[in-house]
C-alpha atoms as a PDB file:
ATOM      1  CA  MET A   1      51.374 -22.191  -2.620  1.00  0.00           C
ATOM      2  CA  ILE A   2      52.121 -21.722  -6.362  1.00  0.00           C
ATOM      3  CA  ARG A   3      49.852 -23.538  -8.795  1.00  0.00           C
ATOM      4  CA  GLU A   4      50.495 -23.724 -12.615  1.00  0.00           C
ATOM      5  CA  GLY A   5      47.651 -22.281 -14.636  1.00  0.00           C
ATOM      6  CA  PRO A   6      46.917 -22.595 -18.341  1.00  0.00           C
ATOM      7  CA  ALA A   7      49.782 -21.319 -20.511  1.00  0.00           C
ATOM      8  CA  LEU A   8      47.393 -19.371 -22.852  1.00  0.00           C
ATOM      9  CA  ASP A   9      43.550 -18.793 -22.919  1.00  0.00           C
ATOM     10  CA  LEU A  10      42.439 -20.271 -26.246  1.00  0.00           C
ATOM     11  CA  THR A  11      39.620 -17.886 -26.636  1.00  0.00           C
ATOM     12  CA  PHE A  12      39.404 -16.615 -30.237  1.00  0.00           C
ATOM     13  CA  ASP A  13      35.921 -15.116 -30.696  1.00  0.00           C
ATOM     14  CA  ARG A  14      37.547 -12.146 -32.502  1.00  0.00           C
ATOM     15  CA  ALA A  15      40.725 -13.733 -33.825  1.00  0.00           C
ATOM     16  CA  PRO A  16      39.426 -14.620 -37.126  1.00  0.00           C
ATOM     17  CA  ARG A  17      38.247 -10.951 -37.689  1.00  0.00           C
ATOM     18  CA  PHE A  18      41.873  -9.690 -36.836  1.00  0.00           C
ATOM     19  CA  VAL A  19      43.644 -12.358 -38.717  1.00  0.00           C
ATOM     20  CA  LEU A  20      41.413 -11.627 -41.907  1.00  0.00           C
ATOM     21  CA  LEU A  21      42.152  -7.931 -41.409  1.00  0.00           C
ATOM     22  CA  LEU A  22      45.851  -8.681 -41.092  1.00  0.00           C
ATOM     23  CA  LEU A  23      46.175 -10.888 -44.221  1.00  0.00           C
ATOM     24  CA  LEU A  24      44.390  -8.233 -46.298  1.00  0.00           C
ATOM     25  CA  ILE A  25      46.685  -5.560 -45.160  1.00  0.00           C
ATOM     26  CA  ILE A  26      49.755  -7.730 -46.015  1.00  0.00           C
ATOM     27  CA  ALA A  27      48.207  -8.901 -49.389  1.00  0.00           C
ATOM     28  CA  GLU A  28      47.520  -5.272 -50.380  1.00  0.00           C
ATOM     29  CA  LEU A  29      51.084  -4.307 -49.386  1.00  0.00           C
ATOM     30  CA  ILE A  30      52.575  -7.083 -51.499  1.00  0.00           C
ATOM     31  CA  LEU A  31      50.477  -7.149 -54.401  1.00  0.00           C
ATOM     32  CA  ALA A  32      49.473  -3.529 -55.298  1.00  0.00           C
ATOM     33  CA  PRO A  33      53.158  -2.577 -56.095  1.00  0.00           C
ATOM     34  CA  LEU A  34      53.568  -5.657 -58.469  1.00  0.00           C
ATOM     35  CA  PHE A  35      51.433  -3.874 -60.894  1.00  0.00           C
ATOM     36  CA  SER A  36      52.883  -0.446 -60.463  1.00  0.00           C
ATOM     37  CA  GLY A  37      53.605   0.162 -64.071  1.00  0.00           C
ATOM     38  CA  SER A  38      50.037   0.050 -65.146  1.00  0.00           C
ATOM     39  CA  GLU A  39      46.540   1.213 -64.343  1.00  0.00           C
ATOM     40  CA  LEU A  40      45.861  -2.329 -63.042  1.00  0.00           C
ATOM     41  CA  GLY A  41      48.154  -1.515 -60.065  1.00  0.00           C
ATOM     42  CA  VAL A  42      45.694   1.561 -59.137  1.00  0.00           C
ATOM     43  CA  HIS A  43      42.668  -0.596 -59.495  1.00  0.00           C
ATOM     44  CA  VAL A  44      44.223  -3.433 -57.385  1.00  0.00           C
ATOM     45  CA  ALA A  45      45.196  -0.953 -54.516  1.00  0.00           C
ATOM     46  CA  GLN A  46      41.716   0.543 -54.636  1.00  0.00           C
ATOM     47  CA  GLY A  47      40.070  -2.794 -54.330  1.00  0.00           C
ATOM     48  CA  PHE A  48      42.258  -3.883 -51.581  1.00  0.00           C
ATOM     49  CA  THR A  49      41.697  -0.682 -49.662  1.00  0.00           C
ATOM     50  CA  THR A  50      37.910  -1.310 -50.007  1.00  0.00           C
ATOM     51  CA  LEU A  51      38.289  -4.912 -48.599  1.00  0.00           C
ATOM     52  CA  VAL A  52      40.483  -3.667 -45.835  1.00  0.00           C
ATOM     53  CA  MET A  53      37.938  -1.037 -44.743  1.00  0.00           C
ATOM     54  CA  LEU A  54      35.106  -3.671 -44.691  1.00  0.00           C
ATOM     55  CA  ALA A  55      37.508  -6.026 -42.713  1.00  0.00           C
ATOM     56  CA  ALA A  56      38.384  -3.261 -40.181  1.00  0.00           C
ATOM     57  CA  LEU A  57      34.619  -2.485 -39.658  1.00  0.00           C
ATOM     58  CA  TRP A  58      34.093  -6.016 -38.915  1.00  0.00           C
ATOM     59  CA  ALA A  59      37.198  -6.308 -36.500  1.00  0.00           C
ATOM     60  CA  ALA A  60      35.714  -3.273 -34.853  1.00  0.00           C
ATOM     61  CA  GLY A  61      32.490  -5.257 -34.025  1.00  0.00           C
ATOM     62  CA  GLY A  62      30.029  -3.299 -36.064  1.00  0.00           C
ATOM     63  CA  ARG A  63      29.271  -0.895 -33.350  1.00  0.00           C
ATOM     64  CA  ALA A  64      27.018   2.260 -34.002  1.00  0.00           C
ATOM     65  CA  ALA A  65      29.908   4.566 -34.056  1.00  0.00           C
ATOM     66  CA  SER A  66      31.979   2.536 -36.322  1.00  0.00           C
ATOM     67  CA  ILE A  67      29.171   2.086 -38.789  1.00  0.00           C
ATOM     68  CA  LEU A  68      28.393   5.967 -38.741  1.00  0.00           C
ATOM     69  CA  LEU A  69      31.998   6.686 -39.316  1.00  0.00           C
ATOM     70  CA  PHE A  70      32.338   3.834 -42.009  1.00  0.00           C
ATOM     71  CA  LEU A  71      29.489   4.807 -44.290  1.00  0.00           C
ATOM     72  CA  PRO A  72      30.774   8.339 -45.242  1.00  0.00           C
ATOM     73  CA  THR A  73      34.364   6.777 -45.582  1.00  0.00           C
ATOM     74  CA  ILE A  74      33.451   4.156 -47.942  1.00  0.00           C
ATOM     75  CA  ALA A  75      31.064   6.408 -49.931  1.00  0.00           C
ATOM     76  CA  ALA A  76      34.006   9.036 -50.476  1.00  0.00           C
ATOM     77  CA  HIS A  77      36.336   6.250 -51.258  1.00  0.00           C
ATOM     78  CA  LEU A  78      34.090   4.940 -54.032  1.00  0.00           C
ATOM     79  CA  LEU A  79      33.384   8.372 -55.307  1.00  0.00           C
ATOM     80  CA  ALA A  80      36.867   9.200 -55.444  1.00  0.00           C
ATOM     81  CA  ILE A  81      37.466   5.889 -57.469  1.00  0.00           C
ATOM     82  CA  GLU A  82      34.548   6.806 -59.836  1.00  0.00           C
ATOM     83  CA  TRP A  83      35.468  10.555 -60.440  1.00  0.00           C
ATOM     84  CA  GLY A  84      38.786  10.957 -59.266  1.00  0.00           C
ATOM     85  CA  ALA A  85      38.454  14.760 -58.530  1.00  0.00           C
ATOM     86  CA  ALA A  86      41.014  16.196 -56.198  1.00  0.00           C
ATOM     87  CA  PRO A  87      38.400  17.569 -53.474  1.00  0.00           C
ATOM     88  CA  ILE A  88      36.745  14.107 -53.308  1.00  0.00           C
ATOM     89  CA  HIS A  89      40.158  12.379 -53.089  1.00  0.00           C
ATOM     90  CA  ILE A  90      41.108  14.770 -50.150  1.00  0.00           C
ATOM     91  CA  VAL A  91      37.923  14.136 -48.401  1.00  0.00           C
ATOM     92  CA  ALA A  92      38.104  10.402 -48.999  1.00  0.00           C
ATOM     93  CA  LEU A  93      41.787  10.296 -47.621  1.00  0.00           C
ATOM     94  CA  ALA A  94      40.859  12.502 -44.634  1.00  0.00           C
ATOM     95  CA  LEU A  95      37.839  10.034 -43.776  1.00  0.00           C
ATOM     96  CA  ARG A  96      40.233   7.034 -44.069  1.00  0.00           C
ATOM     97  CA  VAL A  97      42.444   8.437 -41.532  1.00  0.00           C
ATOM     98  CA  LEU A  98      39.849   9.071 -38.990  1.00  0.00           C
ATOM     99  CA  PHE A  99      38.299   5.613 -39.517  1.00  0.00           C
ATOM    100  CA  PHE A 100      41.356   3.565 -39.438  1.00  0.00           C
ATOM    101  CA  SER A 101      42.498   5.680 -36.405  1.00  0.00           C
ATOM    102  CA  TYR A 102      39.295   5.005 -34.548  1.00  0.00           C
ATOM    103  CA  THR A 103      39.480   1.280 -35.467  1.00  0.00           C
ATOM    104  CA  THR A 104      43.119   1.168 -34.185  1.00  0.00           C
ATOM    105  CA  GLY A 105      42.104   2.824 -30.831  1.00  0.00           C
ATOM    106  CA  LEU A 106      39.170   0.573 -30.310  1.00  0.00           C
ATOM    107  CA  ILE A 107      41.280  -2.441 -30.769  1.00  0.00           C
ATOM    108  CA  VAL A 108      43.976  -1.231 -28.563  1.00  0.00           C
ATOM    109  CA  TRP A 109      41.462  -0.034 -25.984  1.00  0.00           C
ATOM    110  CA  ARG A 110      39.808  -3.704 -25.904  1.00  0.00           C
ATOM    111  CA  ASN A 111      43.409  -5.116 -25.559  1.00  0.00           C
ATOM    112  CA  VAL A 112      44.245  -2.820 -22.681  1.00  0.00           C
ATOM    113  CA  ARG A 113      41.079  -3.745 -20.835  1.00  0.00           C
ATOM    114  CA  GLY A 114      41.575  -7.388 -20.925  1.00  0.00           C
ATOM    115  CA  SER A 115      43.128  -9.140 -17.929  1.00  0.00           C
ATOM    116  CA  GLU A 116      44.310 -12.355 -19.488  1.00  0.00           C
ATOM    117  CA  VAL A 117      46.369 -13.147 -22.609  1.00  0.00           C
ATOM    118  CA  THR A 118      44.235 -14.857 -25.207  1.00  0.00           C
ATOM    119  CA  ILE A 119      44.690 -15.586 -28.908  1.00  0.00           C
ATOM    120  CA  ASP A 120      42.182 -12.561 -29.287  1.00  0.00           C
ATOM    121  CA  THR A 121      44.635 -10.483 -27.531  1.00  0.00           C
ATOM    122  CA  ILE A 122      47.614 -11.476 -29.524  1.00  0.00           C
ATOM    123  CA  ALA A 123      45.812 -11.267 -32.915  1.00  0.00           C
ATOM    124  CA  GLY A 124      44.332  -7.775 -31.930  1.00  0.00           C
ATOM    125  CA  ALA A 125      47.848  -6.456 -30.857  1.00  0.00           C
ATOM    126  CA  ALA A 126      49.237  -7.586 -34.363  1.00  0.00           C
ATOM    127  CA  CYS A 127      46.319  -6.136 -36.135  1.00  0.00           C
ATOM    128  CA  ALA A 128      46.617  -2.691 -34.362  1.00  0.00           C
ATOM    129  CA  TYR A 129      50.247  -2.587 -35.254  1.00  0.00           C
ATOM    130  CA  THR A 130      49.566  -3.036 -38.858  1.00  0.00           C
ATOM    131  CA  LEU A 131      46.653  -0.606 -38.657  1.00  0.00           C
ATOM    132  CA  LEU A 132      49.088   2.113 -37.263  1.00  0.00           C
ATOM    133  CA  ALA A 133      51.136   1.950 -40.468  1.00  0.00           C
ATOM    134  CA  LEU A 134      47.866   2.308 -42.590  1.00  0.00           C
ATOM    135  CA  VAL A 135      47.008   5.439 -40.588  1.00  0.00           C
ATOM    136  CA  TRP A 136      50.252   7.171 -41.207  1.00  0.00           C
ATOM    137  CA  GLY A 137      50.283   5.710 -44.753  1.00  0.00           C
ATOM    138  CA  ASN A 138      47.018   7.590 -45.476  1.00  0.00           C
ATOM    139  CA  ILE A 139      48.382  10.823 -43.712  1.00  0.00           C
ATOM    140  CA  TYR A 140      51.363  10.689 -46.168  1.00  0.00           C
ATOM    141  CA  ILE A 141      49.164  10.310 -49.130  1.00  0.00           C
ATOM    142  CA  LEU A 142      47.109  13.196 -47.999  1.00  0.00           C
ATOM    143  CA  LEU A 143      50.183  15.268 -47.627  1.00  0.00           C
ATOM    144  CA  ALA A 144      51.382  14.445 -50.787  1.00  0.00           C
ATOM    145  CA  VAL A 145      48.182  15.580 -52.391  1.00  0.00           C
ATOM    146  CA  LEU A 146      48.008  18.824 -50.403  1.00  0.00           C
ATOM    147  CA  ARG A 147      51.705  19.536 -50.772  1.00  0.00           C
ATOM    148  CA  PRO A 148      53.344  17.904 -53.831  1.00  0.00           C
ATOM    149  CA  GLY A 149      56.942  17.254 -53.679  1.00  0.00           C
ATOM    150  CA  SER A 150      56.884  16.526 -49.772  1.00  0.00           C
ATOM    151  CA  PHE A 151      58.502  12.973 -50.604  1.00  0.00           C
ATOM    152  CA  ASN A 152      61.263  11.810 -52.947  1.00  0.00           C
ATOM    153  CA  ILE A 153      59.562   8.811 -54.680  1.00  0.00           C
ATOM    154  CA  PRO A 154      61.290   6.707 -57.575  1.00  0.00           C
ATOM    155  CA  VAL A 155      59.457   6.810 -60.589  1.00  0.00           C
ATOM    156  CA  THR A 156      59.129   2.935 -60.698  1.00  0.00           C
ATOM    157  CA  TRP A 157      56.975   3.280 -57.528  1.00  0.00           C
ATOM    158  CA  LEU A 158      54.290   5.555 -59.084  1.00  0.00           C
ATOM    159  CA  MET A 159      51.222   3.752 -60.506  1.00  0.00           C
ATOM    160  CA  GLY A 160      49.540   4.346 -63.730  1.00  0.00           C
ATOM    161  CA  ALA A 161      49.153   7.426 -65.971  1.00  0.00           C
ATOM    162  CA  SER A 162      48.347   9.462 -62.827  1.00  0.00           C
ATOM    163  CA  ARG A 163      51.540   8.499 -61.218  1.00  0.00           C
ATOM    164  CA  ASP A 164      49.681   7.665 -57.971  1.00  0.00           C
ATOM    165  CA  PRO A 165      52.007   7.347 -55.068  1.00  0.00           C
ATOM    166  CA  SER A 166      49.745   5.653 -52.739  1.00  0.00           C
ATOM    167  CA  ALA A 167      51.434   2.149 -52.886  1.00  0.00           C
ATOM    168  CA  ALA A 168      54.897   3.945 -52.472  1.00  0.00           C
ATOM    169  CA  LEU A 169      53.685   5.834 -49.232  1.00  0.00           C
ATOM    170  CA  VAL A 170      51.977   2.835 -47.664  1.00  0.00           C
ATOM    171  CA  TYR A 171      55.179   1.007 -48.237  1.00  0.00           C
ATOM    172  CA  PHE A 172      57.262   3.840 -46.743  1.00  0.00           C
ATOM    173  CA  SER A 173      54.900   3.928 -43.846  1.00  0.00           C
ATOM    174  CA  PHE A 174      55.554   0.369 -43.076  1.00  0.00           C
ATOM    175  CA  ILE A 175      59.263   0.637 -43.412  1.00  0.00           C
ATOM    176  CA  THR A 176      59.291   3.630 -41.150  1.00  0.00           C
ATOM    177  CA  LEU A 177      57.051   1.990 -38.405  1.00  0.00           C
ATOM    178  CA  THR A 178      59.373  -0.864 -38.341  1.00  0.00           C
ATOM    179  CA  THR A 179      62.567   1.285 -38.425  1.00  0.00           C
ATOM    180  CA  ILE A 180      64.042  -0.434 -41.301  1.00  0.00           C
ATOM    181  CA  GLY A 181      64.792   2.637 -43.296  1.00  0.00           C
ATOM    182  CA  TYR A 182      66.018   1.708 -46.718  1.00  0.00           C
ATOM    183  CA  GLY A 183      66.147   5.055 -47.914  1.00  0.00           C
ATOM    184  CA  ASP A 184      64.712   4.599 -51.187  1.00  0.00           C
ATOM    185  CA  ILE A 185      61.735   6.953 -50.375  1.00  0.00           C
ATOM    186  CA  THR A 186      62.531   9.846 -48.358  1.00  0.00           C
ATOM    187  CA  PRO A 187      60.969  13.039 -46.946  1.00  0.00           C
ATOM    188  CA  LEU A 188      61.804  16.282 -48.652  1.00  0.00           C
ATOM    189  CA  TRP A 189      59.700  18.585 -46.510  1.00  0.00           C
ATOM    190  CA  PRO A 190      60.588  19.128 -42.739  1.00  0.00           C
ATOM    191  CA  GLY A 191      56.889  18.481 -41.998  1.00  0.00           C
ATOM    192  CA  ALA A 192      56.946  15.165 -43.666  1.00  0.00           C
ATOM    193  CA  GLY A 193      60.119  14.175 -41.912  1.00  0.00           C
ATOM    194  CA  GLY A 194      58.701  15.139 -38.546  1.00  0.00           C
ATOM    195  CA  LEU A 195      55.604  12.732 -39.347  1.00  0.00           C
ATOM    196  CA  ALA A 196      58.086   9.944 -40.137  1.00  0.00           C
ATOM    197  CA  ALA A 197      60.112  10.482 -36.861  1.00  0.00           C
ATOM    198  CA  ALA A 198      56.704  10.443 -34.983  1.00  0.00           C
ATOM    199  CA  GLU A 199      55.653   7.125 -36.569  1.00  0.00           C
ATOM    200  CA  GLY A 200      59.033   5.530 -35.884  1.00  0.00           C
ATOM    201  CA  ILE A 201      58.736   6.624 -32.101  1.00  0.00           C
ATOM    202  CA  VAL A 202      55.169   5.400 -31.756  1.00  0.00           C
ATOM    203  CA  GLY A 203      56.048   1.996 -33.407  1.00  0.00           C
ATOM    204  CA  GLN A 204      58.770   1.315 -31.156  1.00  0.00           C
ATOM    205  CA  LEU A 205      56.844   2.387 -28.011  1.00  0.00           C
ATOM    206  CA  TYR A 206      53.888   0.211 -29.098  1.00  0.00           C
ATOM    207  CA  LEU A 207      55.867  -2.801 -29.453  1.00  0.00           C
ATOM    208  CA  ALA A 208      57.849  -2.249 -26.176  1.00  0.00           C
ATOM    209  CA  ILE A 209      54.680  -1.459 -24.250  1.00  0.00           C
ATOM    210  CA  THR A 210      52.645  -4.150 -25.781  1.00  0.00           C
ATOM    211  CA  ILE A 211      55.065  -6.845 -25.369  1.00  0.00           C
ATOM    212  CA  ALA A 212      55.880  -5.969 -21.754  1.00  0.00           C
ATOM    213  CA  ARG A 213      52.127  -5.918 -20.866  1.00  0.00           C
ATOM    214  CA  LEU A 214      51.502  -9.322 -22.655  1.00  0.00           C
ATOM    215  CA  VAL A 215      54.378 -10.781 -20.791  1.00  0.00           C
ATOM    216  CA  GLY A 216      53.205  -9.551 -17.554  1.00  0.00           C
ATOM    217  CA  LEU A 217      49.653 -10.880 -18.062  1.00  0.00           C
ATOM    218  CA  HIS A 218      51.014 -14.047 -19.120  1.00  0.00           C
ATOM    219  CA  THR A 219      53.316 -14.521 -15.873  1.00  0.00           C
ATOM    220  CA  SER A 220      50.433 -13.478 -13.627  1.00  0.00           C
ATOM    221  CA  GLN A 221      48.172 -16.135 -15.320  1.00  0.00           C
ATOM    222  CA  ARG A 222      50.745 -18.760 -14.480  1.00  0.00           C
ATOM    223  CA  THR A 223      51.091 -17.727 -10.898  1.00  0.00           C
END
């Protein structure tokens, strides 16, 4: 006999954390480029990056491994803001890639281990998707620092007197992940093109697998 179960488990212990992180990422994506013509845009982007890292730590649950990785990451980020020396900037970017990668993996792993579709599951899946774009965005920024000229970026996207490409490359990462591909920012070095292609493939596989899994779990809950 088939009995109807609940349409959706309304458990949302972690959903506020995921939603806050998601909103901060979207806010950074929208607001930082608005001030791209001045130093204010650089400071806005740096401030949002700090808030996103704090929200990512909260979303990860404050585990010991998360905190141990977060502390040097935030310290290097603040040092890079204060002094701006290239070696510190490179270290800060590399640590951000590791921290966001760990947070993304942790959220995905928790979702995979779940046996029911809850609000937490859905919020976590959306949050992990946007974090993937941040991981690749920071990789692109790191590549632009280590190998200048890897990307063709319009001058209007470069922020402040330092011509910071961070906002442009994070935007490029989101456009690549979602496979929109406007073509306003393009890779000029084959290595950068390979990274962009890999991001597009990962983004599509993530969506296909995640949606299929959520639908499968939801169907099994109702049966």
